[in-house]
Protein backbone atom coordinates (compact mmCIF):
# COMPACT_ATOMS: atom_id res chain seq x y z
CA MET A 1 3.82 16.16 -5.99
CA ALA A 2 2.14 13.80 -3.39
CA CYS A 3 3.71 12.82 -0.16
CA SER A 4 1.93 10.33 2.69
CA PHE A 5 2.78 8.71 5.57
CA GLN A 6 1.24 5.47 6.60
CA PHE A 7 1.14 2.34 9.16
CA GLY A 8 -0.57 -0.92 9.37
CA PHE A 9 -1.30 -4.56 10.08
CA PHE A 10 -2.01 -7.35 7.70
CA LYS A 11 -3.57 -10.85 8.43
CA LEU A 12 -6.47 -9.77 10.28
CA PRO A 13 -9.76 -8.28 9.75
CA SER A 14 -9.52 -5.20 7.34
CA LEU A 15 -9.80 -1.79 8.43
CA GLU A 16 -7.52 1.32 7.11
CA VAL A 17 -7.75 4.89 8.33
CA HIS A 18 -5.18 7.08 6.18
CA ARG A 19 -4.90 10.36 4.13
CA PRO A 20 -4.20 9.60 0.77
CA PRO A 21 -2.82 11.83 -2.17
CA HIS A 22 -4.95 14.11 -3.98
CA ILE A 23 -5.08 15.64 -7.17
CA THR A 24 -7.25 18.40 -8.73
CA LEU A 25 -6.99 17.80 -12.55
CA SER A 26 -8.13 19.18 -15.76
CA SER A 27 -7.99 18.40 -19.46
CA GLU A 28 -5.34 20.87 -19.82
CA GLY A 29 -2.58 20.15 -17.99
CA ARG A 30 -0.66 18.40 -15.25
CA THR A 31 -0.91 19.06 -11.50
CA ASN A 32 1.16 17.98 -8.53
CA SER A 33 0.26 17.73 -4.95
CA ALA A 34 0.83 16.93 -1.38
CA SER A 35 -0.57 15.04 1.18
CA GLY A 36 -0.33 13.13 4.79
CA GLN A 37 -1.30 9.39 5.24
CA GLU A 38 -1.84 7.31 8.20
CA GLY A 39 -3.72 4.26 8.81
CA LEU A 40 -4.67 0.78 10.10
CA ARG A 41 -4.31 -1.78 7.14
CA ILE A 42 -5.24 -5.38 8.05
CA PRO A 43 -6.89 -7.47 5.48
CA THR A 44 -9.97 -9.63 5.86
CA CYS A 45 -8.59 -12.98 4.87
CA SER A 46 -5.06 -14.56 3.80
CA SER A 47 -3.76 -17.38 1.80
CA GLY A 48 -0.33 -18.51 0.96
CA LYS A 49 1.48 -21.08 2.79
CA THR A 50 2.12 -18.94 5.84
CA PRO A 51 -0.22 -18.67 8.84
CA ASP A 52 -0.26 -16.92 11.74
CA THR A 53 1.97 -14.44 10.33
CA SER A 54 1.19 -10.49 10.70
CA LEU A 55 3.06 -7.28 9.10
CA PHE A 56 2.97 -3.61 10.33
CA LEU A 57 4.66 -1.21 7.61
CA ALA A 58 5.33 2.71 8.51
CA GLY A 59 5.65 4.70 5.06
CA LEU A 60 5.81 7.60 2.94
CA ARG A 61 4.49 8.23 -0.28
CA TYR A 62 5.06 10.73 -3.28
CA GLY A 63 2.82 11.06 -6.35
CA ARG A 64 3.06 12.64 -9.56
CA ILE A 65 0.34 13.06 -12.17
CA LEU A 66 2.00 12.10 -15.27
CA ALA A 67 -0.72 12.62 -17.53
CA ALA A 68 -4.83 14.50 -17.43
CA TRP A 69 -7.60 14.21 -19.44
CA GLU A 70 -11.21 15.55 -18.80
CA SER A 71 -12.37 12.21 -17.20
CA VAL A 72 -9.09 10.24 -16.85
CA SER A 73 -5.87 11.04 -15.31
CA LEU A 74 -2.41 8.94 -14.56
CA GLU A 75 -0.09 9.25 -11.51
CA TYR A 76 2.99 7.60 -10.66
CA THR A 77 3.33 6.70 -7.03
CA LEU A 78 6.79 6.02 -5.03
CA ASP A 79 6.21 4.16 -1.34
CA ILE A 80 9.34 4.51 1.22
CA PHE A 81 8.80 2.16 4.07
CA PRO A 82 11.66 2.79 6.62
CA ALA A 83 9.79 0.72 9.11
CA ALA A 84 8.27 -2.88 8.52
CA VAL A 85 7.61 -5.43 11.35
CA VAL A 86 6.56 -9.48 10.90
CA PHE A 87 4.98 -10.57 13.59
CA ASP A 88 5.50 -14.68 13.65
CA HIS A 89 3.44 -16.05 16.06
CA HIS A 90 3.99 -19.69 16.11
CA SER A 91 7.90 -19.33 14.51
CA ALA A 92 10.06 -22.35 15.16
CA ARG A 93 12.80 -19.62 15.24
CA ARG A 94 11.22 -19.13 19.13
CA ARG A 95 7.97 -18.93 20.66
CA ASP A 96 7.02 -15.39 19.14
CA SER A 97 9.12 -13.87 16.72
CA THR A 98 9.44 -10.26 15.73
CA ILE A 99 11.62 -9.37 12.69
CA TYR A 100 12.02 -5.68 11.81
CA GLY A 101 12.92 -4.47 8.34
CA ALA A 102 12.48 -1.83 5.51
CA GLY A 103 11.95 -1.57 1.98
CA LEU A 104 10.51 0.54 -0.72
CA SER A 105 7.76 0.47 -4.19
CA PRO A 106 9.47 2.60 -6.41
CA LEU A 107 7.23 1.42 -9.53
CA GLY A 108 3.73 2.53 -8.88
CA LEU A 109 0.65 3.56 -11.11
CA LYS A 110 -2.78 4.96 -10.16
CA VAL A 111 -5.45 5.74 -12.56
CA ASN A 112 -8.03 8.33 -11.46
CA PHE A 113 -11.50 8.42 -13.23
CA GLY A 114 -14.35 11.03 -12.95
CA GLN A 115 -12.20 14.06 -12.55
CA GLN A 116 -15.11 16.74 -12.99
CA SER A 117 -17.28 14.53 -10.19
CA TRP A 118 -17.06 14.06 -6.31
CA ILE A 119 -17.13 10.82 -6.64
CA LYS A 120 -14.05 9.10 -7.92
CA PRO A 121 -13.32 5.48 -8.63
CA PHE A 122 -9.32 4.27 -8.97
CA LEU A 123 -7.28 1.72 -9.75
CA GLY A 124 -3.94 0.84 -8.39
CA ALA A 125 -0.72 -1.35 -8.69
CA SER A 126 2.82 -1.26 -7.31
CA VAL A 127 5.89 -3.21 -7.18
CA GLY A 128 8.75 -3.09 -4.44
CA PHE A 129 10.64 -4.78 -2.11
CA LEU A 130 10.98 -5.27 1.68
CA TYR A 131 14.40 -6.27 3.44
CA PHE A 132 14.39 -7.92 6.81
CA GLU A 133 17.19 -8.77 9.37
CA GLU A 134 15.71 -12.27 9.24
CA ASP A 135 14.57 -14.77 6.86
CA VAL A 136 10.62 -14.00 6.13
CA PRO A 137 8.16 -15.27 6.58
CA VAL A 138 9.89 -18.45 7.52
CA ARG A 139 13.29 -19.73 8.01
CA HIS A 140 15.33 -20.70 4.51
CA SER A 141 13.28 -18.56 2.77
CA SER A 142 14.87 -14.97 2.02
CA ARG A 143 15.46 -11.49 3.89
CA PHE A 144 14.99 -9.71 0.25
CA ASN A 145 11.18 -10.20 -0.69
CA PHE A 146 9.29 -8.38 -3.72
CA THR A 147 5.76 -6.91 -2.71
CA PRO A 148 3.33 -6.52 -5.63
CA GLU A 149 -0.30 -5.22 -4.83
CA VAL A 150 -2.67 -3.96 -6.94
CA GLY A 151 -6.32 -2.52 -6.27
CA LEU A 152 -9.14 -0.22 -6.64
CA GLY A 153 -11.57 1.79 -4.54
CA PHE A 154 -13.30 5.38 -4.80
CA GLN A 155 -12.78 8.77 -3.41
CA PHE A 156 -15.66 10.71 -2.17
CA PHE A 157 -14.96 14.36 -2.10
CA LEU A 158 -16.60 16.63 0.80
CA THR A 159 -14.46 19.85 -0.47
CA PRO A 160 -11.91 20.38 -2.95
CA LYS A 161 -9.44 19.83 -0.28
CA THR A 162 -11.17 16.77 1.38
CA ALA A 163 -12.43 13.47 0.66
CA LEU A 164 -13.23 9.89 2.10
CA SER A 165 -11.84 6.65 0.65
CA LEU A 166 -13.00 3.04 0.36
CA GLY A 167 -11.28 0.52 -1.62
CA TYR A 168 -9.98 -3.08 -1.80
CA LYS A 169 -5.99 -4.20 -2.04
CA TYR A 170 -4.45 -7.85 -3.02
CA HIS A 171 -1.22 -7.64 -1.47
CA HIS A 172 1.73 -10.10 -1.94
CA ILE A 173 4.86 -10.98 -0.13
CA SER A 174 7.40 -13.16 -2.02
CA ASN A 175 11.29 -13.98 -3.07
CA ALA A 176 9.92 -14.86 -6.26
CA GLY A 177 11.67 -18.36 -5.44
CA THR A 178 15.14 -16.86 -5.29
CA ALA A 179 15.81 -19.12 -1.73
CA ARG A 180 15.29 -22.70 -0.83
CA ARG A 181 11.67 -22.05 0.46
CA ASN A 182 8.96 -19.66 -0.88
CA PRO A 183 5.64 -19.69 0.94
CA GLY A 184 4.51 -16.45 0.35
CA VAL A 185 2.05 -14.26 2.08
CA ASP A 186 -1.23 -13.10 0.55
CA SER A 187 -3.73 -10.84 1.90
CA ASN A 188 -7.04 -9.31 0.88
CA VAL A 189 -7.21 -5.50 2.23
CA ILE A 190 -10.68 -3.76 2.58
CA TYR A 191 -9.92 -0.43 4.08
CA ALA A 192 -11.61 3.32 4.35
CA GLY A 193 -9.82 6.48 4.60
CA PHE A 194 -9.77 10.28 5.05
CA SER A 195 -7.64 12.40 2.62
CA PHE A 196 -6.83 15.91 2.97
CA PHE A 197 -4.78 17.67 0.33
CA THR A 198 -2.19 20.65 -0.14
CA PRO A 199 -0.67 22.00 -3.30
């Protein structure tokens, strides 16, 4: 089992400092572990049709190894976001709009490579949603938005229970055409982090 805490911003130059889950694996079985996570996540650039919009997230992560081999493992991840805040700096709603929400990413997978090495590459992807008190990211869009993301990176192990992480994530927020407007918000995130692990 892996647990984590995370917070972050989007739509500015990227930085993430966090404690992601760590799994010590063998080819003979499955291992669960827990960890705490905290961080600042800010993308280097953004696309989509929504300028001047920032996103703050605070969340918890659960992870479980589904399968492990000699050099590769497959991990399930679940992210819970009890706090999500959108900062719309040029909103038509009012001069500077702050919109609150919450959400969940129940469908997540992470592939860990190099199980016997102190450098472990990984690939990850997840799909979830955020629900806000007002339409996001613009009026006449939707309070409910989907949040898929994909990424890759490396963990550099300092000890069996601590590691440094470097990675990239592409994050998307969209109502998938379920509302009148769907401009979306896309973020490219480069992040660095510190990890600690508990069984």
